[in-house]
Amino acid sequence: KTDFINFISDQEWKSIEPVSSWFGPSSFLMSSMSALFQLSMWIRHCHGYLTENVGIPVWGSYAVFALATLFSGLILGLVSGALETDWL
């Protein structure tokens, strides 16, 4: 506590470089990172729901997520290919 008070009162904070806007809390990079963490928490919540409430075994929940990953990759690949051919 004393160090923090001295840091403020002695104005030592003026000698520190500000954080680059690229790494700032509201930057695109940090917002994307936050979205990934929120997605991982949502996936964890869904896994808990599937295993505890629905009664699917753990391996079944993993299979559901594996199939969802494959299906979403297939859809994204098809959309990407369709956009690529339209743009060229």
N, C-alpha and C. Protein backbone atom coordinates (compact mmCIF):
# COMPACT_ATOMS: atom_id res chain seq x y z
N LYS A 1 0.82 -1.18 0.00
CA LYS A 1 0.00 0.00 0.00
C LYS A 1 0.88 1.25 0.00
N THR A 2 1.90 1.23 0.79
CA THR A 2 2.80 2.38 0.90
C THR A 2 3.50 2.63 -0.44
N ASP A 3 3.95 1.55 -1.09
CA ASP A 3 4.61 1.69 -2.38
C ASP A 3 3.68 2.31 -3.41
N PHE A 4 2.42 1.91 -3.39
CA PHE A 4 1.46 2.47 -4.35
C PHE A 4 1.23 3.96 -4.09
N ILE A 5 1.09 4.32 -2.84
CA ILE A 5 0.90 5.73 -2.49
C ILE A 5 2.12 6.55 -2.90
N ASN A 6 3.31 6.03 -2.66
CA ASN A 6 4.54 6.73 -3.07
C ASN A 6 4.63 6.83 -4.60
N PHE A 7 4.20 5.80 -5.28
CA PHE A 7 4.20 5.79 -6.74
C PHE A 7 3.34 6.93 -7.28
N ILE A 8 2.20 7.16 -6.66
CA ILE A 8 1.30 8.23 -7.09
C ILE A 8 1.81 9.60 -6.64
N SER A 9 2.16 9.71 -5.38
CA SER A 9 2.55 11.04 -4.86
C SER A 9 3.87 11.53 -5.46
N ASP A 10 4.80 10.64 -5.75
CA ASP A 10 6.07 11.04 -6.36
C ASP A 10 5.98 11.16 -7.88
N GLN A 11 4.83 10.90 -8.43
CA GLN A 11 4.55 10.97 -9.87
C GLN A 11 5.49 10.09 -10.68
N GLU A 12 5.80 8.92 -10.15
CA GLU A 12 6.63 7.96 -10.88
C GLU A 12 5.89 7.39 -12.09
N TRP A 13 4.57 7.49 -12.09
CA TRP A 13 3.78 6.96 -13.19
C TRP A 13 4.04 7.71 -14.49
N LYS A 14 4.58 8.90 -14.43
CA LYS A 14 4.87 9.66 -15.64
C LYS A 14 6.03 9.07 -16.44
N SER A 15 6.89 8.32 -15.78
CA SER A 15 8.05 7.75 -16.47
C SER A 15 7.74 6.41 -17.16
N ILE A 16 6.53 5.91 -16.98
CA ILE A 16 6.16 4.63 -17.58
C ILE A 16 5.48 4.87 -18.92
N GLU A 17 5.90 4.09 -19.93
CA GLU A 17 5.29 4.21 -21.26
C GLU A 17 3.86 3.69 -21.22
N PRO A 18 2.95 4.37 -21.91
CA PRO A 18 1.57 3.86 -21.95
C PRO A 18 1.49 2.58 -22.77
N VAL A 19 0.47 1.80 -22.52
CA VAL A 19 0.26 0.56 -23.25
C VAL A 19 -0.11 0.91 -24.68
N SER A 20 0.45 0.18 -25.62
CA SER A 20 0.14 0.40 -27.02
C SER A 20 -1.34 0.18 -27.27
N SER A 21 -1.90 0.94 -28.20
CA SER A 21 -3.33 0.79 -28.48
C SER A 21 -3.65 -0.61 -29.00
N TRP A 22 -2.66 -1.26 -29.58
CA TRP A 22 -2.85 -2.62 -30.08
C TRP A 22 -3.14 -3.60 -28.93
N PHE A 23 -2.55 -3.36 -27.77
CA PHE A 23 -2.74 -4.23 -26.61
C PHE A 23 -3.67 -3.62 -25.56
N GLY A 24 -4.32 -2.54 -25.88
CA GLY A 24 -5.25 -1.91 -24.95
C GLY A 24 -6.48 -2.79 -24.73
N PRO A 25 -7.17 -2.60 -23.63
CA PRO A 25 -8.32 -3.45 -23.30
C PRO A 25 -9.45 -3.38 -24.32
N SER A 26 -9.58 -2.27 -25.04
CA SER A 26 -10.68 -2.15 -26.00
C SER A 26 -10.23 -2.40 -27.44
N SER A 27 -9.01 -2.89 -27.64
CA SER A 27 -8.53 -3.14 -28.99
C SER A 27 -9.18 -4.39 -29.58
N PHE A 28 -9.07 -4.53 -30.89
CA PHE A 28 -9.64 -5.70 -31.57
C PHE A 28 -8.99 -6.98 -31.07
N LEU A 29 -7.69 -6.95 -30.87
CA LEU A 29 -6.96 -8.14 -30.41
C LEU A 29 -7.47 -8.62 -29.04
N MET A 30 -7.59 -7.70 -28.10
CA MET A 30 -8.03 -8.08 -26.76
C MET A 30 -9.52 -8.43 -26.73
N SER A 31 -10.31 -7.77 -27.56
CA SER A 31 -11.73 -8.13 -27.65
C SER A 31 -11.89 -9.53 -28.21
N SER A 32 -11.07 -9.88 -29.19
CA SER A 32 -11.11 -11.23 -29.76
C SER A 32 -10.67 -12.26 -28.73
N MET A 33 -9.64 -11.93 -27.98
CA MET A 33 -9.17 -12.85 -26.93
C MET A 33 -10.25 -13.07 -25.89
N SER A 34 -10.95 -12.02 -25.52
CA SER A 34 -12.04 -12.11 -24.56
C SER A 34 -13.16 -12.99 -25.10
N ALA A 35 -13.47 -12.83 -26.38
CA ALA A 35 -14.52 -13.65 -27.00
C ALA A 35 -14.13 -15.13 -26.99
N LEU A 36 -12.85 -15.43 -27.20
CA LEU A 36 -12.40 -16.83 -27.16
C LEU A 36 -12.53 -17.41 -25.75
N PHE A 37 -12.20 -16.63 -24.74
CA PHE A 37 -12.36 -17.10 -23.37
C PHE A 37 -13.83 -17.32 -23.03
N GLN A 38 -14.70 -16.41 -23.50
CA GLN A 38 -16.13 -16.58 -23.26
C GLN A 38 -16.66 -17.82 -23.98
N LEU A 39 -16.16 -18.08 -25.19
CA LEU A 39 -16.55 -19.28 -25.93
C LEU A 39 -16.12 -20.54 -25.18
N SER A 40 -14.92 -20.53 -24.64
CA SER A 40 -14.46 -21.71 -23.90
C SER A 40 -15.30 -21.95 -22.65
N MET A 41 -15.72 -20.88 -21.98
CA MET A 41 -16.59 -21.04 -20.81
C MET A 41 -17.98 -21.56 -21.22
N TRP A 42 -18.49 -21.10 -22.37
CA TRP A 42 -19.78 -21.58 -22.86
C TRP A 42 -19.70 -23.07 -23.22
N ILE A 43 -18.59 -23.49 -23.85
CA ILE A 43 -18.40 -24.90 -24.19
C ILE A 43 -18.31 -25.73 -22.92
N ARG A 44 -17.63 -25.23 -21.92
CA ARG A 44 -17.54 -25.95 -20.63
C ARG A 44 -18.92 -26.09 -20.00
N HIS A 45 -19.70 -25.01 -20.06
CA HIS A 45 -21.06 -25.05 -19.52
C HIS A 45 -21.92 -26.08 -20.28
N CYS A 46 -21.81 -26.09 -21.60
CA CYS A 46 -22.57 -27.06 -22.40
C CYS A 46 -22.14 -28.49 -22.09
N HIS A 47 -20.85 -28.70 -21.91
CA HIS A 47 -20.36 -30.03 -21.56
C HIS A 47 -20.94 -30.48 -20.22
N GLY A 48 -20.95 -29.59 -19.24
CA GLY A 48 -21.54 -29.92 -17.95
C GLY A 48 -23.02 -30.22 -18.06
N TYR A 49 -23.73 -29.43 -18.87
CA TYR A 49 -25.16 -29.66 -19.06
C TYR A 49 -25.41 -31.02 -19.71
N LEU A 50 -24.62 -31.35 -20.75
CA LEU A 50 -24.82 -32.62 -21.45
C LEU A 50 -24.51 -33.82 -20.54
N THR A 51 -23.48 -33.71 -19.74
CA THR A 51 -23.10 -34.85 -18.91
C THR A 51 -23.92 -34.96 -17.64
N GLU A 52 -24.29 -33.84 -17.02
CA GLU A 52 -24.98 -33.88 -15.74
C GLU A 52 -26.50 -33.91 -15.89
N ASN A 53 -27.06 -33.06 -16.73
CA ASN A 53 -28.51 -32.95 -16.84
C ASN A 53 -29.11 -33.92 -17.86
N VAL A 54 -28.47 -34.03 -19.02
CA VAL A 54 -29.00 -34.90 -20.06
C VAL A 54 -28.61 -36.35 -19.81
N GLY A 55 -27.46 -36.57 -19.20
CA GLY A 55 -27.02 -37.93 -18.88
C GLY A 55 -26.15 -38.56 -19.94
N ILE A 56 -25.65 -37.77 -20.87
CA ILE A 56 -24.75 -38.30 -21.90
C ILE A 56 -23.41 -38.59 -21.24
N PRO A 57 -22.80 -39.72 -21.56
CA PRO A 57 -21.46 -39.99 -21.00
C PRO A 57 -20.45 -38.96 -21.52
N VAL A 58 -19.33 -38.86 -20.82
CA VAL A 58 -18.32 -37.87 -21.17
C VAL A 58 -17.84 -38.06 -22.60
N TRP A 59 -17.59 -39.32 -22.99
CA TRP A 59 -17.12 -39.56 -24.36
C TRP A 59 -18.18 -39.14 -25.38
N GLY A 60 -19.46 -39.26 -25.02
CA GLY A 60 -20.53 -38.83 -25.91
C GLY A 60 -20.54 -37.32 -26.09
N SER A 61 -20.29 -36.62 -25.00
CA SER A 61 -20.20 -35.16 -25.09
C SER A 61 -19.03 -34.74 -25.96
N TYR A 62 -17.90 -35.42 -25.81
CA TYR A 62 -16.75 -35.12 -26.66
C TYR A 62 -17.08 -35.41 -28.13
N ALA A 63 -17.82 -36.48 -28.38
CA ALA A 63 -18.21 -36.81 -29.75
C ALA A 63 -19.12 -35.74 -30.33
N VAL A 64 -20.04 -35.22 -29.52
CA VAL A 64 -20.93 -34.14 -29.98
C VAL A 64 -20.10 -32.92 -30.37
N PHE A 65 -19.14 -32.54 -29.53
CA PHE A 65 -18.32 -31.38 -29.84
C PHE A 65 -17.41 -31.63 -31.04
N ALA A 66 -16.92 -32.85 -31.18
CA ALA A 66 -16.08 -33.17 -32.35
C ALA A 66 -16.89 -33.07 -33.63
N LEU A 67 -18.11 -33.60 -33.62
CA LEU A 67 -18.96 -33.50 -34.80
C LEU A 67 -19.35 -32.05 -35.10
N ALA A 68 -19.62 -31.28 -34.06
CA ALA A 68 -19.95 -29.86 -34.25
C ALA A 68 -18.76 -29.11 -34.86
N THR A 69 -17.55 -29.45 -34.41
CA THR A 69 -16.35 -28.82 -34.96
C THR A 69 -16.17 -29.18 -36.43
N LEU A 70 -16.34 -30.46 -36.75
CA LEU A 70 -16.20 -30.89 -38.15
C LEU A 70 -17.27 -30.24 -39.03
N PHE A 71 -18.51 -30.19 -38.53
CA PHE A 71 -19.60 -29.61 -39.30
C PHE A 71 -19.39 -28.11 -39.52
N SER A 72 -18.97 -27.40 -38.48
CA SER A 72 -18.73 -25.96 -38.64
C SER A 72 -17.56 -25.70 -39.58
N GLY A 73 -16.53 -26.54 -39.54
CA GLY A 73 -15.42 -26.41 -40.48
C GLY A 73 -15.86 -26.66 -41.91
N LEU A 74 -16.74 -27.63 -42.09
CA LEU A 74 -17.27 -27.91 -43.42
C LEU A 74 -18.06 -26.72 -43.95
N ILE A 75 -18.93 -26.17 -43.12
CA ILE A 75 -19.74 -25.02 -43.53
C ILE A 75 -18.85 -23.81 -43.85
N LEU A 76 -17.89 -23.53 -42.96
CA LEU A 76 -16.99 -22.40 -43.20
C LEU A 76 -16.16 -22.59 -44.48
N GLY A 77 -15.74 -23.82 -44.73
CA GLY A 77 -15.00 -24.11 -45.96
C GLY A 77 -15.85 -23.91 -47.19
N LEU A 78 -17.10 -24.36 -47.13
CA LEU A 78 -17.99 -24.17 -48.28
C LEU A 78 -18.29 -22.70 -48.53
N VAL A 79 -18.55 -21.96 -47.47
CA VAL A 79 -18.81 -20.53 -47.61
C VAL A 79 -17.58 -19.81 -48.13
N SER A 80 -16.42 -20.15 -47.60
CA SER A 80 -15.17 -19.54 -48.05
C SER A 80 -14.93 -19.83 -49.53
N GLY A 81 -15.16 -21.07 -49.95
CA GLY A 81 -14.98 -21.42 -51.36
C GLY A 81 -15.97 -20.71 -52.25
N ALA A 82 -17.20 -20.58 -51.79
CA ALA A 82 -18.21 -19.88 -52.59
C ALA A 82 -17.87 -18.40 -52.72
N LEU A 83 -17.43 -17.78 -51.63
CA LEU A 83 -17.05 -16.36 -51.70
C LEU A 83 -15.84 -16.15 -52.59
N GLU A 84 -14.91 -17.09 -52.54
CA GLU A 84 -13.69 -16.97 -53.33
C GLU A 84 -14.00 -17.04 -54.82
N THR A 85 -14.88 -17.94 -55.22
CA THR A 85 -15.21 -18.06 -56.63
C THR A 85 -16.04 -16.87 -57.11
N ASP A 86 -16.87 -16.31 -56.26
CA ASP A 86 -17.66 -15.13 -56.63
C ASP A 86 -16.77 -13.90 -56.79
N TRP A 87 -15.73 -13.79 -55.97
CA TRP A 87 -14.88 -12.62 -56.02
C TRP A 87 -13.91 -12.66 -57.20
N LEU A 88 -13.55 -13.85 -57.62
CA LEU A 88 -12.59 -13.96 -58.73
C LEU A 88 -13.36 -13.85 -60.02
